[in-house]
Amino acid sequence: MNFLTSEQVLEKKKPEERVTFLIRHAERRHILPTDEDYGSKVPLTETGESQALAAGKEISRFKASSFFFGASPVFRCRQTAALVAKACDAEPFSSVEKVVAFDCLAEFYVSECVDYERHLRAGFYPAICRYLQEGTLAGFLPVREGSEKLLAFLLENSRADLNLFCSHDAWIVPFLAHFTGLRFSSQCWMNFLSGAAVLFDSSKKNVRIFPVKFLGDGFLRF
């Protein structure tokens, strides 16, 4: 399976299905050791802002009757969600303050913060890749368990015809690997504004998950 465009997702969507997007934030600059609070306040670049607005224009093609936008509390995630909402005329969520912040988006793959942070500080990409390969790692919940919990959260909190949750690669990469079989490496990572499209019916028991991209390539290649 490879990343689909939003148009391809729309073609797959059945009339009775709703959609939830779980996407990475748009482009930001590199996080520096001197950045406050691990870089949580680093905003989008101007390019990132344009990317998010363009994604919102794509999402407007779904012609949803209702919207819900949520995000990690980290500023660039809420900023991304707000710009997407603005571009697709989801007015109730079109500013950073209006996007619903979910602290728990950071909890689904973490079992113990000290070990988790130790692995990531030693090497972010190698740690996540080792986690995916082995299925578990000290400080992490098993990939399957974390992914199933994240999916349950998304379905529970998908309150509208079209829902969007903006988060981080550390959480979305395991979700994609588990549910879609996508492979990642230190040389081939997920791009900004890539993620998952979750299609589901009113019972939320019939669920289909596809990788989705809003930029030209769903992967970042190093």
N, C-alpha and C. Protein backbone atom coordinates (compact mmCIF):
# COMPACT_ATOMS: atom_id res chain seq x y z
N MET A 1 0.85 -1.20 0.00
CA MET A 1 0.00 0.00 0.00
C MET A 1 0.88 1.24 0.00
N ASN A 2 0.44 2.26 -0.73
CA ASN A 2 1.19 3.52 -0.77
C ASN A 2 0.26 4.67 -0.40
N PHE A 3 0.84 5.84 -0.21
CA PHE A 3 0.03 7.00 0.14
C PHE A 3 -0.93 7.34 -1.00
N LEU A 4 -2.18 7.63 -0.65
CA LEU A 4 -3.17 8.09 -1.60
C LEU A 4 -3.30 9.60 -1.51
N THR A 5 -3.72 10.22 -2.59
CA THR A 5 -4.09 11.62 -2.52
C THR A 5 -5.46 11.72 -1.87
N SER A 6 -5.82 12.91 -1.43
CA SER A 6 -7.15 13.08 -0.84
C SER A 6 -8.24 12.81 -1.87
N GLU A 7 -7.95 13.11 -3.13
CA GLU A 7 -8.93 12.83 -4.20
C GLU A 7 -9.17 11.33 -4.33
N GLN A 8 -8.11 10.53 -4.21
CA GLN A 8 -8.26 9.08 -4.27
C GLN A 8 -9.04 8.55 -3.08
N VAL A 9 -8.83 9.16 -1.91
CA VAL A 9 -9.61 8.78 -0.73
C VAL A 9 -11.08 9.09 -0.96
N LEU A 10 -11.35 10.25 -1.53
CA LEU A 10 -12.73 10.65 -1.81
C LEU A 10 -13.39 9.66 -2.76
N GLU A 11 -12.64 9.17 -3.74
CA GLU A 11 -13.18 8.19 -4.68
C GLU A 11 -13.52 6.88 -3.99
N LYS A 12 -12.76 6.52 -2.95
CA LYS A 12 -13.00 5.28 -2.22
C LYS A 12 -14.13 5.41 -1.20
N LYS A 13 -14.40 6.61 -0.78
CA LYS A 13 -15.39 6.84 0.28
C LYS A 13 -16.80 6.51 -0.21
N LYS A 14 -17.50 5.68 0.55
CA LYS A 14 -18.89 5.34 0.24
C LYS A 14 -19.81 6.44 0.76
N PRO A 15 -20.98 6.61 0.14
CA PRO A 15 -21.88 7.70 0.56
C PRO A 15 -22.24 7.68 2.04
N GLU A 16 -22.34 6.48 2.61
CA GLU A 16 -22.74 6.37 4.01
C GLU A 16 -21.57 6.50 4.98
N GLU A 17 -20.37 6.63 4.47
CA GLU A 17 -19.19 6.69 5.33
C GLU A 17 -18.84 8.12 5.72
N ARG A 18 -18.29 8.24 6.92
CA ARG A 18 -17.67 9.49 7.35
C ARG A 18 -16.15 9.31 7.29
N VAL A 19 -15.43 10.39 7.46
CA VAL A 19 -13.97 10.31 7.33
C VAL A 19 -13.29 11.05 8.47
N THR A 20 -12.22 10.47 8.94
CA THR A 20 -11.34 11.12 9.92
C THR A 20 -9.93 11.10 9.37
N PHE A 21 -9.29 12.27 9.34
CA PHE A 21 -7.90 12.36 8.94
C PHE A 21 -7.03 12.50 10.19
N LEU A 22 -5.99 11.69 10.27
CA LEU A 22 -4.95 11.83 11.29
C LEU A 22 -3.68 12.22 10.54
N ILE A 23 -3.27 13.47 10.66
CA ILE A 23 -2.16 13.95 9.84
C ILE A 23 -1.06 14.60 10.69
N ARG A 24 0.13 14.56 10.14
CA ARG A 24 1.25 15.28 10.73
C ARG A 24 1.09 16.77 10.41
N HIS A 25 1.61 17.61 11.28
CA HIS A 25 1.58 19.06 11.04
C HIS A 25 2.32 19.41 9.75
N ALA A 26 2.12 20.62 9.27
CA ALA A 26 2.81 21.12 8.08
C ALA A 26 4.26 21.47 8.42
N GLU A 27 4.98 22.00 7.44
CA GLU A 27 6.43 22.21 7.58
C GLU A 27 6.78 23.16 8.72
N ARG A 28 7.77 22.78 9.50
CA ARG A 28 8.38 23.63 10.52
C ARG A 28 9.88 23.62 10.28
N ARG A 29 10.58 24.53 10.91
CA ARG A 29 12.04 24.48 10.85
C ARG A 29 12.54 23.37 11.76
N HIS A 30 13.82 23.09 11.67
CA HIS A 30 14.42 22.06 12.52
C HIS A 30 14.36 22.49 13.99
N ILE A 31 14.08 21.53 14.85
CA ILE A 31 14.09 21.78 16.29
C ILE A 31 15.54 21.85 16.76
N LEU A 32 15.86 22.88 17.56
CA LEU A 32 17.21 23.08 18.05
C LEU A 32 17.30 22.73 19.54
N PRO A 33 18.47 22.32 20.02
CA PRO A 33 18.61 22.02 21.45
C PRO A 33 18.28 23.21 22.35
N THR A 34 18.40 24.41 21.81
CA THR A 34 18.13 25.61 22.59
C THR A 34 16.65 26.01 22.60
N ASP A 35 15.83 25.33 21.82
CA ASP A 35 14.41 25.68 21.77
C ASP A 35 13.71 25.33 23.08
N GLU A 36 12.86 26.23 23.51
CA GLU A 36 12.14 26.05 24.77
C GLU A 36 11.19 24.86 24.70
N ASP A 37 11.11 24.12 25.79
CA ASP A 37 10.14 23.03 25.94
C ASP A 37 10.19 22.06 24.76
N TYR A 38 11.41 21.62 24.43
CA TYR A 38 11.64 20.64 23.36
C TYR A 38 11.09 21.10 22.00
N GLY A 39 11.01 22.40 21.81
CA GLY A 39 10.56 22.92 20.52
C GLY A 39 9.06 22.97 20.35
N SER A 40 8.30 22.81 21.44
CA SER A 40 6.84 22.74 21.32
C SER A 40 6.22 24.06 20.84
N LYS A 41 6.98 25.17 20.97
CA LYS A 41 6.43 26.47 20.55
C LYS A 41 6.92 26.90 19.18
N VAL A 42 7.67 26.03 18.51
CA VAL A 42 8.15 26.37 17.16
C VAL A 42 6.97 26.36 16.20
N PRO A 43 6.71 27.47 15.50
CA PRO A 43 5.56 27.54 14.60
C PRO A 43 5.87 26.96 13.23
N LEU A 44 4.86 26.97 12.37
CA LEU A 44 5.06 26.60 10.98
C LEU A 44 5.89 27.66 10.27
N THR A 45 6.59 27.23 9.25
CA THR A 45 7.24 28.18 8.35
C THR A 45 6.16 28.81 7.44
N GLU A 46 6.55 29.82 6.69
CA GLU A 46 5.60 30.39 5.73
C GLU A 46 5.17 29.33 4.71
N THR A 47 6.12 28.49 4.32
CA THR A 47 5.77 27.39 3.41
C THR A 47 4.78 26.45 4.07
N GLY A 48 4.99 26.17 5.35
CA GLY A 48 4.07 25.30 6.07
C GLY A 48 2.67 25.87 6.15
N GLU A 49 2.57 27.17 6.35
CA GLU A 49 1.25 27.80 6.38
C GLU A 49 0.55 27.64 5.04
N SER A 50 1.28 27.83 3.96
CA SER A 50 0.71 27.67 2.62
C SER A 50 0.30 26.22 2.37
N GLN A 51 1.12 25.29 2.86
CA GLN A 51 0.79 23.87 2.71
C GLN A 51 -0.53 23.53 3.40
N ALA A 52 -0.71 24.03 4.60
CA ALA A 52 -1.92 23.73 5.37
C ALA A 52 -3.16 24.32 4.69
N LEU A 53 -3.03 25.53 4.17
CA LEU A 53 -4.16 26.14 3.47
C LEU A 53 -4.51 25.35 2.21
N ALA A 54 -3.50 24.87 1.51
CA ALA A 54 -3.75 24.07 0.31
C ALA A 54 -4.44 22.75 0.67
N ALA A 55 -4.02 22.14 1.79
CA ALA A 55 -4.68 20.91 2.24
C ALA A 55 -6.14 21.16 2.56
N GLY A 56 -6.43 22.32 3.16
CA GLY A 56 -7.81 22.65 3.46
C GLY A 56 -8.66 22.79 2.21
N LYS A 57 -8.08 23.34 1.15
CA LYS A 57 -8.82 23.46 -0.11
C LYS A 57 -9.12 22.07 -0.68
N GLU A 58 -8.17 21.14 -0.54
CA GLU A 58 -8.43 19.77 -0.98
C GLU A 58 -9.56 19.14 -0.16
N ILE A 59 -9.53 19.35 1.13
CA ILE A 59 -10.54 18.75 2.00
C ILE A 59 -11.93 19.32 1.73
N SER A 60 -11.98 20.55 1.26
CA SER A 60 -13.29 21.15 0.96
C SER A 60 -14.03 20.37 -0.11
N ARG A 61 -13.31 19.60 -0.93
CA ARG A 61 -13.95 18.80 -1.98
C ARG A 61 -14.82 17.69 -1.42
N PHE A 62 -14.63 17.35 -0.15
CA PHE A 62 -15.46 16.31 0.46
C PHE A 62 -16.88 16.81 0.72
N LYS A 63 -17.06 18.11 0.67
CA LYS A 63 -18.39 18.72 0.85
C LYS A 63 -19.09 18.17 2.11
N ALA A 64 -18.35 18.19 3.20
CA ALA A 64 -18.86 17.65 4.47
C ALA A 64 -19.97 18.54 5.02
N SER A 65 -20.92 17.91 5.67
CA SER A 65 -22.03 18.65 6.28
C SER A 65 -21.67 19.18 7.66
N SER A 66 -20.64 18.60 8.28
CA SER A 66 -20.20 19.06 9.60
C SER A 66 -18.72 18.73 9.75
N PHE A 67 -18.05 19.47 10.66
CA PHE A 67 -16.61 19.33 10.83
C PHE A 67 -16.27 19.22 12.32
N PHE A 68 -15.12 18.55 12.57
CA PHE A 68 -14.51 18.61 13.90
C PHE A 68 -13.00 18.62 13.71
N PHE A 69 -12.33 19.53 14.42
CA PHE A 69 -10.87 19.64 14.32
C PHE A 69 -10.24 19.56 15.70
N GLY A 70 -9.34 18.61 15.88
CA GLY A 70 -8.60 18.46 17.12
C GLY A 70 -7.11 18.35 16.84
N ALA A 71 -6.30 18.51 17.86
CA ALA A 71 -4.85 18.49 17.64
C ALA A 71 -4.12 18.25 18.95
N SER A 72 -2.86 17.89 18.81
CA SER A 72 -1.92 17.93 19.93
C SER A 72 -1.88 19.37 20.44
N PRO A 73 -1.64 19.57 21.74
CA PRO A 73 -1.55 20.94 22.26
C PRO A 73 -0.38 21.74 21.70
N VAL A 74 0.59 21.05 21.09
CA VAL A 74 1.75 21.74 20.53
C VAL A 74 1.29 22.75 19.48
N PHE A 75 1.85 23.94 19.53
CA PHE A 75 1.32 25.07 18.75
C PHE A 75 1.23 24.76 17.27
N ARG A 76 2.27 24.18 16.66
CA ARG A 76 2.26 23.99 15.21
C ARG A 76 1.17 23.01 14.76
N CYS A 77 0.77 22.09 15.64
CA CYS A 77 -0.31 21.17 15.30
C CYS A 77 -1.65 21.90 15.30
N ARG A 78 -1.89 22.70 16.32
CA ARG A 78 -3.13 23.49 16.37
C ARG A 78 -3.14 24.52 15.25
N GLN A 79 -1.98 25.09 14.94
CA GLN A 79 -1.87 26.06 13.86
C GLN A 79 -2.22 25.40 12.52
N THR A 80 -1.69 24.21 12.30
CA THR A 80 -2.00 23.47 11.06
C THR A 80 -3.49 23.21 10.95
N ALA A 81 -4.08 22.67 12.02
CA ALA A 81 -5.50 22.35 11.99
C ALA A 81 -6.35 23.59 11.73
N ALA A 82 -5.99 24.70 12.35
CA ALA A 82 -6.76 25.94 12.17
C ALA A 82 -6.68 26.45 10.74
N LEU A 83 -5.51 26.36 10.12
CA LEU A 83 -5.37 26.81 8.74
C LEU A 83 -6.14 25.91 7.77
N VAL A 84 -6.10 24.60 8.02
CA VAL A 84 -6.89 23.68 7.21
C VAL A 84 -8.37 24.02 7.34
N ALA A 85 -8.81 24.24 8.58
CA ALA A 85 -10.22 24.57 8.84
C ALA A 85 -10.61 25.87 8.13
N LYS A 86 -9.74 26.85 8.19
CA LYS A 86 -10.03 28.13 7.54
C LYS A 86 -10.23 27.95 6.05
N ALA A 87 -9.37 27.13 5.42
CA ALA A 87 -9.43 26.97 3.96
C ALA A 87 -10.62 26.14 3.50
N CYS A 88 -11.17 25.32 4.38
CA CYS A 88 -12.34 24.53 3.97
C CYS A 88 -13.63 25.06 4.61
N ASP A 89 -13.56 26.29 5.08
CA ASP A 89 -14.74 27.00 5.61
C ASP A 89 -15.36 26.31 6.82
N ALA A 90 -14.51 25.69 7.63
CA ALA A 90 -14.99 25.13 8.90
C ALA A 90 -14.81 26.20 9.98
N GLU A 91 -15.61 27.21 9.92
CA GLU A 91 -15.44 28.43 10.71
C GLU A 91 -15.32 28.19 12.21
N PRO A 92 -16.06 27.25 12.80
CA PRO A 92 -15.94 27.07 14.27
C PRO A 92 -14.55 26.66 14.73
N PHE A 93 -13.66 26.25 13.80
CA PHE A 93 -12.33 25.79 14.19
C PHE A 93 -11.22 26.57 13.49
N SER A 94 -11.52 27.74 12.96
CA SER A 94 -10.60 28.43 12.06
C SER A 94 -9.59 29.34 12.75
N SER A 95 -9.35 29.14 14.02
CA SER A 95 -8.26 29.83 14.71
C SER A 95 -7.63 28.86 15.70
N VAL A 96 -6.39 29.12 16.06
CA VAL A 96 -5.67 28.21 16.95
C VAL A 96 -6.44 27.98 18.25
N GLU A 97 -7.05 29.02 18.77
CA GLU A 97 -7.77 28.91 20.05
C GLU A 97 -9.02 28.04 19.93
N LYS A 98 -9.56 27.91 18.72
CA LYS A 98 -10.80 27.16 18.54
C LYS A 98 -10.58 25.67 18.29
N VAL A 99 -9.36 25.30 17.92
CA VAL A 99 -9.05 23.89 17.70
C VAL A 99 -8.99 23.18 19.05
N VAL A 100 -9.65 22.03 19.15
CA VAL A 100 -9.70 21.30 20.43
C VAL A 100 -8.36 20.62 20.67
N ALA A 101 -7.73 20.91 21.81
CA ALA A 101 -6.43 20.34 22.14
C ALA A 101 -6.61 19.07 22.96
N PHE A 102 -5.91 18.00 22.55
CA PHE A 102 -5.98 16.72 23.24
C PHE A 102 -4.59 16.36 23.77
N ASP A 103 -4.39 16.49 25.08
CA ASP A 103 -3.12 16.10 25.68
C ASP A 103 -2.84 14.61 25.49
N CYS A 104 -3.89 13.80 25.44
CA CYS A 104 -3.73 12.35 25.41
C CYS A 104 -3.13 11.84 24.11
N LEU A 105 -3.04 12.65 23.07
CA LEU A 105 -2.46 12.17 21.82
C LEU A 105 -1.01 11.73 21.99
N ALA A 106 -0.38 12.17 23.05
CA ALA A 106 1.01 11.78 23.31
C ALA A 106 1.10 10.51 24.16
N GLU A 107 -0.01 9.95 24.57
CA GLU A 107 0.02 8.87 25.56
C GLU A 107 -0.14 7.47 24.98
N PHE A 108 -0.59 7.35 23.75
CA PHE A 108 -0.99 6.04 23.26
C PHE A 108 0.18 5.10 23.01
N TYR A 109 1.38 5.63 22.81
CA TYR A 109 2.53 4.76 22.55
C TYR A 109 3.58 4.83 23.64
N VAL A 110 3.31 5.56 24.71
CA VAL A 110 4.30 5.75 25.78
C VAL A 110 3.84 5.03 27.04
N SER A 111 4.71 4.18 27.57
CA SER A 111 4.39 3.51 28.83
C SER A 111 5.19 4.08 30.00
N GLU A 112 6.36 4.65 29.70
CA GLU A 112 7.21 5.18 30.76
C GLU A 112 8.08 6.29 30.16
N CYS A 113 7.90 7.51 30.63
CA CYS A 113 8.48 8.68 29.96
C CYS A 113 10.00 8.70 29.99
N VAL A 114 10.62 8.28 31.09
CA VAL A 114 12.07 8.38 31.20
C VAL A 114 12.75 7.51 30.15
N ASP A 115 12.34 6.23 30.04
CA ASP A 115 12.93 5.34 29.04
C ASP A 115 12.59 5.79 27.63
N TYR A 116 11.36 6.24 27.45
CA TYR A 116 10.94 6.69 26.13
C TYR A 116 11.81 7.85 25.66
N GLU A 117 11.98 8.86 26.50
CA GLU A 117 12.78 10.02 26.12
C GLU A 117 14.25 9.65 25.96
N ARG A 118 14.72 8.71 26.73
CA ARG A 118 16.12 8.27 26.60
C ARG A 118 16.37 7.68 25.21
N HIS A 119 15.46 6.84 24.75
CA HIS A 119 15.59 6.26 23.41
C HIS A 119 15.56 7.34 22.34
N LEU A 120 14.64 8.28 22.44
CA LEU A 120 14.52 9.29 21.40
C LEU A 120 15.71 10.25 21.38
N ARG A 121 16.25 10.55 22.56
CA ARG A 121 17.41 11.45 22.61
C ARG A 121 18.65 10.77 22.02
N ALA A 122 18.71 9.45 22.14
CA ALA A 122 19.86 8.71 21.59
C ALA A 122 19.79 8.65 20.06
N GLY A 123 18.62 8.83 19.51
CA GLY A 123 18.46 8.80 18.05
C GLY A 123 17.01 8.57 17.71
N PHE A 124 16.31 9.63 17.29
CA PHE A 124 14.86 9.55 17.09
C PHE A 124 14.48 8.51 16.04
N TYR A 125 15.03 8.65 14.83
CA TYR A 125 14.63 7.73 13.75
C TYR A 125 15.03 6.28 14.05
N PRO A 126 16.26 6.02 14.49
CA PRO A 126 16.61 4.63 14.81
C PRO A 126 15.74 4.04 15.91
N ALA A 127 15.38 4.85 16.91
CA ALA A 127 14.55 4.34 18.01
C ALA A 127 13.17 3.93 17.52
N ILE A 128 12.52 4.79 16.73
CA ILE A 128 11.19 4.47 16.23
C ILE A 128 11.25 3.27 15.29
N CYS A 129 12.26 3.20 14.44
CA CYS A 129 12.39 2.07 13.52
C CYS A 129 12.62 0.77 14.27
N ARG A 130 13.43 0.80 15.31
CA ARG A 130 13.64 -0.39 16.12
C ARG A 130 12.33 -0.81 16.80
N TYR A 131 11.59 0.16 17.29
CA TYR A 131 10.29 -0.08 17.91
C TYR A 131 9.33 -0.76 16.93
N LEU A 132 9.29 -0.28 15.69
CA LEU A 132 8.41 -0.88 14.69
C LEU A 132 8.85 -2.30 14.36
N GLN A 133 10.15 -2.50 14.27
CA GLN A 133 10.68 -3.81 13.89
C GLN A 133 10.42 -4.85 14.99
N GLU A 134 10.64 -4.45 16.24
CA GLU A 134 10.51 -5.40 17.35
C GLU A 134 9.10 -5.45 17.93
N GLY A 135 8.31 -4.44 17.65
CA GLY A 135 6.93 -4.41 18.13
C GLY A 135 6.79 -3.88 19.54
N THR A 136 7.89 -3.71 20.23
CA THR A 136 7.88 -3.15 21.59
C THR A 136 9.28 -2.67 21.93
N LEU A 137 9.38 -1.82 22.93
CA LEU A 137 10.66 -1.25 23.35
C LEU A 137 10.45 -0.65 24.72
N ALA A 138 11.48 -0.68 25.55
CA ALA A 138 11.36 -0.12 26.90
C ALA A 138 10.89 1.33 26.83
N GLY A 139 9.84 1.64 27.58
CA GLY A 139 9.27 2.97 27.57
C GLY A 139 8.11 3.14 26.61
N PHE A 140 7.93 2.17 25.71
CA PHE A 140 6.86 2.21 24.71
C PHE A 140 5.81 1.14 25.02
N LEU A 141 4.56 1.43 24.71
CA LEU A 141 3.55 0.38 24.67
C LEU A 141 3.77 -0.45 23.41
N PRO A 142 3.37 -1.72 23.41
CA PRO A 142 3.48 -2.49 22.17
C PRO A 142 2.77 -1.78 21.01
N VAL A 143 3.34 -1.87 19.82
CA VAL A 143 2.80 -1.17 18.66
C VAL A 143 1.32 -1.48 18.45
N ARG A 144 0.97 -2.77 18.52
CA ARG A 144 -0.42 -3.16 18.29
C ARG A 144 -1.34 -2.52 19.33
N GLU A 145 -0.96 -2.59 20.60
CA GLU A 145 -1.80 -2.05 21.66
C GLU A 145 -1.97 -0.54 21.52
N GLY A 146 -0.88 0.16 21.29
CA GLY A 146 -0.96 1.62 21.15
C GLY A 146 -1.80 2.03 19.95
N SER A 147 -1.62 1.31 18.84
CA SER A 147 -2.36 1.65 17.62
C SER A 147 -3.86 1.40 17.79
N GLU A 148 -4.21 0.30 18.42
CA GLU A 148 -5.63 0.01 18.64
C GLU A 148 -6.26 1.05 19.58
N LYS A 149 -5.50 1.47 20.58
CA LYS A 149 -6.01 2.50 21.49
C LYS A 149 -6.19 3.84 20.78
N LEU A 150 -5.24 4.19 19.93
CA LEU A 150 -5.35 5.44 19.19
C LEU A 150 -6.54 5.40 18.23
N LEU A 151 -6.74 4.28 17.55
CA LEU A 151 -7.90 4.16 16.67
C LEU A 151 -9.20 4.30 17.45
N ALA A 152 -9.29 3.64 18.60
CA ALA A 152 -10.50 3.75 19.42
C ALA A 152 -10.75 5.20 19.83
N PHE A 153 -9.68 5.90 20.17
CA PHE A 153 -9.81 7.32 20.54
C PHE A 153 -10.33 8.14 19.36
N LEU A 154 -9.77 7.92 18.17
CA LEU A 154 -10.19 8.68 17.00
C LEU A 154 -11.67 8.45 16.70
N LEU A 155 -12.10 7.20 16.76
CA LEU A 155 -13.50 6.89 16.47
C LEU A 155 -14.41 7.49 17.53
N GLU A 156 -14.02 7.40 18.79
CA GLU A 156 -14.84 7.94 19.87
C GLU A 156 -15.01 9.45 19.74
N ASN A 157 -13.97 10.12 19.28
CA ASN A 157 -14.00 11.58 19.24
C ASN A 157 -14.29 12.14 17.84
N SER A 158 -14.62 11.28 16.91
CA SER A 158 -15.02 11.74 15.58
C SER A 158 -16.50 12.09 15.63
N ARG A 159 -16.76 13.36 15.76
CA ARG A 159 -18.11 13.83 16.08
C ARG A 159 -18.86 14.38 14.88
N ALA A 160 -18.24 14.34 13.71
CA ALA A 160 -18.81 15.05 12.57
C ALA A 160 -18.70 14.20 11.30
N ASP A 161 -19.18 14.75 10.22
CA ASP A 161 -19.08 14.10 8.92
C ASP A 161 -17.62 14.01 8.48
N LEU A 162 -16.86 15.07 8.75
CA LEU A 162 -15.43 15.09 8.46
C LEU A 162 -14.68 15.57 9.69
N ASN A 163 -13.69 14.79 10.11
CA ASN A 163 -12.92 15.07 11.33
C ASN A 163 -11.44 15.11 10.96
N LEU A 164 -10.71 15.96 11.65
CA LEU A 164 -9.27 16.02 11.42
C LEU A 164 -8.55 16.17 12.75
N PHE A 165 -7.54 15.32 12.96
CA PHE A 165 -6.68 15.39 14.13
C PHE A 165 -5.26 15.58 13.64
N CYS A 166 -4.59 16.60 14.15
CA CYS A 166 -3.23 16.91 13.74
C CYS A 166 -2.27 16.57 14.87
N SER A 167 -1.28 15.76 14.57
CA SER A 167 -0.37 15.28 15.61
C SER A 167 1.05 15.22 15.06
N HIS A 168 1.85 14.27 15.56
CA HIS A 168 3.28 14.22 15.29
C HIS A 168 3.68 12.88 14.67
N ASP A 169 4.80 12.91 13.97
CA ASP A 169 5.27 11.69 13.31
C ASP A 169 5.53 10.55 14.29
N ALA A 170 5.97 10.86 15.51
CA ALA A 170 6.27 9.82 16.49
C ALA A 170 5.06 8.94 16.78
N TRP A 171 3.84 9.52 16.65
CA TRP A 171 2.63 8.75 16.93
C TRP A 171 1.99 8.21 15.65
N ILE A 172 2.12 8.94 14.56
CA ILE A 172 1.44 8.55 13.33
C ILE A 172 2.20 7.44 12.59
N VAL A 173 3.51 7.45 12.65
CA VAL A 173 4.29 6.41 11.99
C VAL A 173 3.92 5.02 12.51
N PRO A 174 3.89 4.78 13.82
CA PRO A 174 3.47 3.45 14.29
C PRO A 174 2.04 3.09 13.87
N PHE A 175 1.15 4.07 13.89
CA PHE A 175 -0.24 3.84 13.48
C PHE A 175 -0.29 3.38 12.02
N LEU A 176 0.43 4.08 11.16
CA LEU A 176 0.45 3.71 9.74
C LEU A 176 1.11 2.35 9.52
N ALA A 177 2.21 2.11 10.21
CA ALA A 177 2.89 0.83 10.05
C ALA A 177 2.00 -0.33 10.46
N HIS A 178 1.28 -0.16 11.56
CA HIS A 178 0.42 -1.24 12.06
C HIS A 178 -0.79 -1.49 11.16
N PHE A 179 -1.48 -0.43 10.78
CA PHE A 179 -2.76 -0.61 10.08
C PHE A 179 -2.64 -0.68 8.56
N THR A 180 -1.57 -0.14 7.99
CA THR A 180 -1.47 -0.13 6.53
C THR A 180 -0.26 -0.89 5.99
N GLY A 181 0.68 -1.26 6.87
CA GLY A 181 1.85 -2.00 6.42
C GLY A 181 2.93 -1.14 5.78
N LEU A 182 2.79 0.17 5.83
CA LEU A 182 3.85 1.03 5.29
C LEU A 182 5.15 0.81 6.06
N ARG A 183 6.25 0.88 5.34
CA ARG A 183 7.57 0.70 5.94
C ARG A 183 8.30 2.05 6.00
N PHE A 184 8.98 2.26 7.10
CA PHE A 184 9.72 3.51 7.30
C PHE A 184 11.16 3.18 7.69
N SER A 185 12.07 4.11 7.39
CA SER A 185 13.47 3.97 7.79
C SER A 185 14.03 5.35 8.06
N SER A 186 15.27 5.38 8.53
CA SER A 186 15.91 6.67 8.79
C SER A 186 16.13 7.46 7.51
N GLN A 187 16.10 6.78 6.37
CA GLN A 187 16.28 7.45 5.08
C GLN A 187 14.95 7.72 4.37
N CYS A 188 13.87 7.13 4.87
CA CYS A 188 12.57 7.27 4.23
C CYS A 188 11.50 7.39 5.32
N TRP A 189 11.14 8.61 5.63
CA TRP A 189 10.25 8.91 6.75
C TRP A 189 8.95 9.49 6.22
N MET A 190 7.98 9.73 7.10
CA MET A 190 6.74 10.34 6.66
C MET A 190 6.91 11.84 6.46
N ASN A 191 6.28 12.36 5.45
CA ASN A 191 6.39 13.78 5.12
C ASN A 191 5.44 14.60 6.00
N PHE A 192 5.63 15.90 5.98
CA PHE A 192 4.64 16.79 6.59
C PHE A 192 3.30 16.59 5.88
N LEU A 193 2.21 16.75 6.63
CA LEU A 193 0.86 16.65 6.10
C LEU A 193 0.55 15.29 5.48
N SER A 194 1.29 14.26 5.88
CA SER A 194 0.92 12.88 5.55
C SER A 194 0.25 12.28 6.77
N GLY A 195 -0.41 11.15 6.57
CA GLY A 195 -1.05 10.49 7.70
C GLY A 195 -2.00 9.41 7.26
N ALA A 196 -3.11 9.30 7.96
CA ALA A 196 -4.08 8.24 7.71
C ALA A 196 -5.46 8.83 7.46
N ALA A 197 -6.19 8.22 6.55
CA ALA A 197 -7.60 8.52 6.35
C ALA A 197 -8.40 7.33 6.86
N VAL A 198 -9.24 7.57 7.84
CA VAL A 198 -10.05 6.51 8.45
C VAL A 198 -11.49 6.68 7.97
N LEU A 199 -11.99 5.71 7.23
CA LEU A 199 -13.37 5.74 6.74
C LEU A 199 -14.20 4.79 7.58
N PHE A 200 -15.37 5.24 8.02
CA PHE A 200 -16.18 4.42 8.92
C PHE A 200 -17.65 4.74 8.74
N ASP A 201 -18.50 3.76 9.06
CA ASP A 201 -19.94 3.98 8.96
C ASP A 201 -20.50 4.44 10.30
N SER A 202 -21.81 4.60 10.38
CA SER A 202 -22.42 5.16 11.59
C SER A 202 -22.25 4.25 12.81
N SER A 203 -22.07 2.97 12.60
CA SER A 203 -21.88 2.05 13.72
C SER A 203 -20.46 2.12 14.27
N LYS A 204 -19.55 2.65 13.49
CA LYS A 204 -18.11 2.72 13.81
C LYS A 204 -17.50 1.34 14.00
N LYS A 205 -18.15 0.33 13.42
CA LYS A 205 -17.63 -1.04 13.48
C LYS A 205 -17.01 -1.46 12.15
N ASN A 206 -17.43 -0.81 11.09
CA ASN A 206 -16.87 -1.09 9.77
C ASN A 206 -15.91 0.04 9.43
N VAL A 207 -14.62 -0.26 9.54
CA VAL A 207 -13.58 0.77 9.45
C VAL A 207 -12.57 0.38 8.37
N ARG A 208 -12.22 1.35 7.56
CA ARG A 208 -11.17 1.16 6.56
C ARG A 208 -10.13 2.27 6.72
N ILE A 209 -8.86 1.90 6.64
CA ILE A 209 -7.78 2.87 6.88
C ILE A 209 -6.83 2.88 5.70
N PHE A 210 -6.54 4.08 5.20
CA PHE A 210 -5.64 4.26 4.07
C PHE A 210 -4.58 5.32 4.40
N PRO A 211 -3.35 5.14 3.93
CA PRO A 211 -2.37 6.23 4.05
C PRO A 211 -2.78 7.37 3.13
N VAL A 212 -2.61 8.60 3.58
CA VAL A 212 -3.00 9.75 2.77
C VAL A 212 -1.90 10.80 2.80
N LYS A 213 -1.79 11.55 1.72
CA LYS A 213 -0.78 12.62 1.62
C LYS A 213 -1.45 13.88 1.11
N PHE A 214 -0.93 15.02 1.53
CA PHE A 214 -1.41 16.30 1.02
C PHE A 214 -0.29 17.09 0.34
N LEU A 215 0.90 16.50 0.25
CA LEU A 215 2.00 17.05 -0.53
C LEU A 215 2.32 16.08 -1.66
N GLY A 216 3.25 16.44 -2.51
CA GLY A 216 3.53 15.61 -3.68
C GLY A 216 4.00 14.21 -3.35
N ASP A 217 4.76 14.05 -2.29
CA ASP A 217 5.29 12.76 -1.87
C ASP A 217 4.89 12.54 -0.42
N GLY A 218 4.35 11.38 -0.12
CA GLY A 218 3.98 11.07 1.26
C GLY A 218 5.18 10.82 2.15
N PHE A 219 6.33 10.59 1.53
CA PHE A 219 7.55 10.31 2.29
C PHE A 219 8.51 11.49 2.24
N LEU A 220 9.29 11.64 3.30
CA LEU A 220 10.48 12.48 3.30
C LEU A 220 11.67 11.56 3.07
N ARG A 221 12.48 11.88 2.07
CA ARG A 221 13.61 11.01 1.73
C ARG A 221 14.90 11.76 2.02
N PHE A 222 15.78 11.11 2.79
CA PHE A 222 17.02 11.76 3.24
C PHE A 222 18.22 11.18 2.49
